[in-house]
Amino acid sequence: MLWTIFVILLVLWLLGAFIVPFGGSLIHILLVIAVIVLIYNLVTGRRGI
């Protein structure tokens, strides 16, 4: 689940940064959120449901 969110945010950031530049601060916010999700996922690891 978190990896999916990370990939979606990363793709949106890449699209916004290089293909359709729309608001510089929004692009960086998406990147920061993607990095936070990645770090959170690496720290917590996989847990059973």
PDB file of N, CA and C in Angstrom:
ATOM      1  N   MET A   1       0.824  -1.197   0.000  1.00  0.00           N
ATOM      2  CA  MET A   1       0.000   0.000   0.000  1.00  0.00           C
ATOM      3  C   MET A   1       0.864   1.254   0.000  1.00  0.00           C
ATOM      4  N   LEU A   2       1.829   1.299   0.922  1.00  0.00           N
ATOM      5  CA  LEU A   2       2.682   2.485   0.991  1.00  0.00           C
ATOM      6  C   LEU A   2       3.580   2.605  -0.244  1.00  0.00           C
ATOM      7  N   TRP A   3       4.006   1.460  -0.778  1.00  0.00           N
ATOM      8  CA  TRP A   3       4.830   1.526  -1.985  1.00  0.00           C
ATOM      9  C   TRP A   3       4.027   2.073  -3.156  1.00  0.00           C
ATOM     10  N   THR A   4       2.748   1.739  -3.202  1.00  0.00           N
ATOM     11  CA  THR A   4       1.889   2.259  -4.264  1.00  0.00           C
ATOM     12  C   THR A   4       1.762   3.773  -4.160  1.00  0.00           C
ATOM     13  N   ILE A   5       1.543   4.268  -2.947  1.00  0.00           N
ATOM     14  CA  ILE A   5       1.455   5.715  -2.740  1.00  0.00           C
ATOM     15  C   ILE A   5       2.767   6.385  -3.100  1.00  0.00           C
ATOM     16  N   PHE A   6       3.876   5.763  -2.708  1.00  0.00           N
ATOM     17  CA  PHE A   6       5.191   6.314  -3.031  1.00  0.00           C
ATOM     18  C   PHE A   6       5.394   6.418  -4.536  1.00  0.00           C
ATOM     19  N   VAL A   7       5.059   5.373  -5.252  1.00  0.00           N
ATOM     20  CA  VAL A   7       5.252   5.369  -6.709  1.00  0.00           C
ATOM     21  C   VAL A   7       4.351   6.407  -7.374  1.00  0.00           C
ATOM     22  N   ILE A   8       3.096   6.503  -6.924  1.00  0.00           N
ATOM     23  CA  ILE A   8       2.174   7.485  -7.510  1.00  0.00           C
ATOM     24  C   ILE A   8       2.687   8.902  -7.283  1.00  0.00           C
ATOM     25  N   LEU A   9       3.125   9.203  -6.052  1.00  0.00           N
ATOM     26  CA  LEU A   9       3.635  10.543  -5.769  1.00  0.00           C
ATOM     27  C   LEU A   9       4.915  10.838  -6.546  1.00  0.00           C
ATOM     28  N   LEU A  10       5.766   9.838  -6.693  1.00  0.00           N
ATOM     29  CA  LEU A  10       7.003  10.030  -7.443  1.00  0.00           C
ATOM     30  C   LEU A  10       6.714  10.294  -8.917  1.00  0.00           C
ATOM     31  N   VAL A  11       5.765   9.556  -9.494  1.00  0.00           N
ATOM     32  CA  VAL A  11       5.400   9.768 -10.899  1.00  0.00           C
ATOM     33  C   VAL A  11       4.781  11.150 -11.093  1.00  0.00           C
ATOM     34  N   LEU A  12       3.897  11.544 -10.166  1.00  0.00           N
ATOM     35  CA  LEU A  12       3.309  12.886 -10.269  1.00  0.00           C
ATOM     36  C   LEU A  12       4.373  13.964 -10.164  1.00  0.00           C
ATOM     37  N   TRP A  13       5.360  13.750  -9.286  1.00  0.00           N
ATOM     38  CA  TRP A  13       6.434  14.724  -9.152  1.00  0.00           C
ATOM     39  C   TRP A  13       7.241  14.809 -10.444  1.00  0.00           C
ATOM     40  N   LEU A  14       7.566  13.660 -11.029  1.00  0.00           N
ATOM     41  CA  LEU A  14       8.333  13.663 -12.274  1.00  0.00           C
ATOM     42  C   LEU A  14       7.552  14.329 -13.400  1.00  0.00           C
ATOM     43  N   LEU A  15       6.249  14.049 -13.487  1.00  0.00           N
ATOM     44  CA  LEU A  15       5.432  14.693 -14.513  1.00  0.00           C
ATOM     45  C   LEU A  15       5.384  16.200 -14.311  1.00  0.00           C
ATOM     46  N   GLY A  16       5.216  16.616 -13.084  1.00  0.00           N
ATOM     47  CA  GLY A  16       5.135  18.039 -12.798  1.00  0.00           C
ATOM     48  C   GLY A  16       6.453  18.754 -12.988  1.00  0.00           C
ATOM     49  N   ALA A  17       7.543  18.070 -12.697  1.00  0.00           N
ATOM     50  CA  ALA A  17       8.845  18.720 -12.763  1.00  0.00           C
ATOM     51  C   ALA A  17       9.357  18.835 -14.199  1.00  0.00           C
ATOM     52  N   PHE A  18       9.107  17.835 -15.023  1.00  0.00           N
ATOM     53  CA  PHE A  18       9.754  17.797 -16.323  1.00  0.00           C
ATOM     54  C   PHE A  18       8.814  17.913 -17.517  1.00  0.00           C
ATOM     55  N   ILE A  19       7.558  17.533 -17.375  1.00  0.00           N
ATOM     56  CA  ILE A  19       6.668  17.540 -18.532  1.00  0.00           C
ATOM     57  C   ILE A  19       5.698  18.718 -18.484  1.00  0.00           C
ATOM     58  N   VAL A  20       4.989  18.864 -17.379  1.00  0.00           N
ATOM     59  CA  VAL A  20       3.989  19.924 -17.246  1.00  0.00           C
ATOM     60  C   VAL A  20       4.311  20.738 -16.004  1.00  0.00           C
ATOM     61  N   PRO A  21       5.192  21.733 -16.120  1.00  0.00           N
ATOM     62  CA  PRO A  21       5.545  22.513 -14.930  1.00  0.00           C
ATOM     63  C   PRO A  21       4.351  23.340 -14.435  1.00  0.00           C
ATOM     64  N   PHE A  22       3.863  23.034 -13.242  1.00  0.00           N
ATOM     65  CA  PHE A  22       2.699  23.744 -12.691  1.00  0.00           C
ATOM     66  C   PHE A  22       2.934  24.031 -11.219  1.00  0.00           C
ATOM     67  N   GLY A  23       3.451  25.159 -10.899  1.00  0.00           N
ATOM     68  CA  GLY A  23       3.646  25.530  -9.493  1.00  0.00           C
ATOM     69  C   GLY A  23       4.826  24.819  -8.874  1.00  0.00           C
ATOM     70  N   GLY A  24       5.886  25.547  -8.626  1.00  0.00           N
ATOM     71  CA  GLY A  24       7.111  24.941  -8.104  1.00  0.00           C
ATOM     72  C   GLY A  24       6.957  24.353  -6.722  1.00  0.00           C
ATOM     73  N   SER A  25       6.210  25.008  -5.844  1.00  0.00           N
ATOM     74  CA  SER A  25       6.113  24.511  -4.474  1.00  0.00           C
ATOM     75  C   SER A  25       5.330  23.201  -4.407  1.00  0.00           C
ATOM     76  N   LEU A  26       4.324  23.024  -5.257  1.00  0.00           N
ATOM     77  CA  LEU A  26       3.547  21.789  -5.258  1.00  0.00           C
ATOM     78  C   LEU A  26       4.419  20.600  -5.638  1.00  0.00           C
ATOM     79  N   ILE A  27       5.311  20.792  -6.584  1.00  0.00           N
ATOM     80  CA  ILE A  27       6.205  19.729  -7.019  1.00  0.00           C
ATOM     81  C   ILE A  27       7.086  19.270  -5.861  1.00  0.00           C
ATOM     82  N   HIS A  28       7.619  20.217  -5.122  1.00  0.00           N
ATOM     83  CA  HIS A  28       8.511  19.863  -4.023  1.00  0.00           C
ATOM     84  C   HIS A  28       7.750  19.253  -2.856  1.00  0.00           C
ATOM     85  N   ILE A  29       6.519  19.669  -2.641  1.00  0.00           N
ATOM     86  CA  ILE A  29       5.703  19.059  -1.588  1.00  0.00           C
ATOM     87  C   ILE A  29       5.434  17.596  -1.916  1.00  0.00           C
ATOM     88  N   LEU A  30       5.132  17.300  -3.179  1.00  0.00           N
ATOM     89  CA  LEU A  30       4.921  15.907  -3.581  1.00  0.00           C
ATOM     90  C   LEU A  30       6.177  15.079  -3.379  1.00  0.00           C
ATOM     91  N   LEU A  31       7.335  15.639  -3.696  1.00  0.00           N
ATOM     92  CA  LEU A  31       8.582  14.920  -3.508  1.00  0.00           C
ATOM     93  C   LEU A  31       8.835  14.648  -2.031  1.00  0.00           C
ATOM     94  N   VAL A  32       8.611  15.632  -1.179  1.00  0.00           N
ATOM     95  CA  VAL A  32       8.822  15.462   0.254  1.00  0.00           C
ATOM     96  C   VAL A  32       7.877  14.397   0.810  1.00  0.00           C
ATOM     97  N   ILE A  33       6.616  14.408   0.397  1.00  0.00           N
ATOM     98  CA  ILE A  33       5.661  13.403   0.860  1.00  0.00           C
ATOM     99  C   ILE A  33       6.098  12.006   0.413  1.00  0.00           C
ATOM    100  N   ALA A  34       6.566  11.890  -0.820  1.00  0.00           N
ATOM    101  CA  ALA A  34       7.019  10.592  -1.320  1.00  0.00           C
ATOM    102  C   ALA A  34       8.205  10.080  -0.526  1.00  0.00           C
ATOM    103  N   VAL A  35       9.143  10.951  -0.188  1.00  0.00           N
ATOM    104  CA  VAL A  35      10.314  10.540   0.596  1.00  0.00           C
ATOM    105  C   VAL A  35       9.905  10.150   2.011  1.00  0.00           C
ATOM    106  N   ILE A  36       8.975  10.891   2.612  1.00  0.00           N
ATOM    107  CA  ILE A  36       8.499  10.552   3.956  1.00  0.00           C
ATOM    108  C   ILE A  36       7.827   9.185   3.957  1.00  0.00           C
ATOM    109  N   VAL A  37       7.009   8.906   2.946  1.00  0.00           N
ATOM    110  CA  VAL A  37       6.349   7.602   2.858  1.00  0.00           C
ATOM    111  C   VAL A  37       7.380   6.491   2.702  1.00  0.00           C
ATOM    112  N   LEU A  38       8.395   6.715   1.884  1.00  0.00           N
ATOM    113  CA  LEU A  38       9.444   5.717   1.697  1.00  0.00           C
ATOM    114  C   LEU A  38      10.185   5.453   2.997  1.00  0.00           C
ATOM    115  N   ILE A  39      10.589   6.501   3.703  1.00  0.00           N
ATOM    116  CA  ILE A  39      11.314   6.336   4.962  1.00  0.00           C
ATOM    117  C   ILE A  39      10.440   5.632   5.995  1.00  0.00           C
ATOM    118  N   TYR A  40       9.176   6.015   6.092  1.00  0.00           N
ATOM    119  CA  TYR A  40       8.260   5.376   7.039  1.00  0.00           C
ATOM    120  C   TYR A  40       8.145   3.883   6.745  1.00  0.00           C
ATOM    121  N   ASN A  41       8.039   3.537   5.474  1.00  0.00           N
ATOM    122  CA  ASN A  41       7.910   2.133   5.096  1.00  0.00           C
ATOM    123  C   ASN A  41       9.194   1.355   5.414  1.00  0.00           C
ATOM    124  N   LEU A  42      10.332   1.954   5.193  1.00  0.00           N
ATOM    125  CA  LEU A  42      11.589   1.272   5.483  1.00  0.00           C
ATOM    126  C   LEU A  42      11.795   1.100   6.995  1.00  0.00           C
ATOM    127  N   VAL A  43      11.397   2.079   7.783  1.00  0.00           N
ATOM    128  CA  VAL A  43      11.589   2.013   9.231  1.00  0.00           C
ATOM    129  C   VAL A  43      10.647   1.000   9.862  1.00  0.00           C
ATOM    130  N   THR A  44       9.378   1.015   9.483  1.00  0.00           N
ATOM    131  CA  THR A  44       8.413   0.127  10.115  1.00  0.00           C
ATOM    132  C   THR A  44       8.525  -1.301   9.584  1.00  0.00           C
ATOM    133  N   GLY A  45       8.945  -1.471   8.363  1.00  0.00           N
ATOM    134  CA  GLY A  45       9.052  -2.804   7.783  1.00  0.00           C
ATOM    135  C   GLY A  45       7.696  -3.419   7.528  1.00  0.00           C
ATOM    136  N   ARG A  46       7.690  -4.652   7.105  1.00  0.00           N
ATOM    137  CA  ARG A  46       6.431  -5.339   6.834  1.00  0.00           C
ATOM    138  C   ARG A  46       5.947  -6.029   8.103  1.00  0.00           C
ATOM    139  N   ARG A  47       4.687  -5.801   8.404  1.00  0.00           N
ATOM    140  CA  ARG A  47       4.062  -6.443   9.562  1.00  0.00           C
ATOM    141  C   ARG A  47       2.873  -7.268   9.082  1.00  0.00           C
ATOM    142  N   GLY A  48       2.600  -8.327   9.791  1.00  0.00           N
ATOM    143  CA  GLY A  48       1.444  -9.160   9.452  1.00  0.00           C
ATOM    144  C   GLY A  48       0.149  -8.457   9.798  1.00  0.00           C
ATOM    145  N   ILE A  49      -0.891  -8.801   9.080  1.00  0.00           N
ATOM    146  CA  ILE A  49      -2.193  -8.164   9.323  1.00  0.00           C
ATOM    147  C   ILE A  49      -2.902  -8.890  10.461  1.00  0.00           C
TER     148      ILE A  49
END
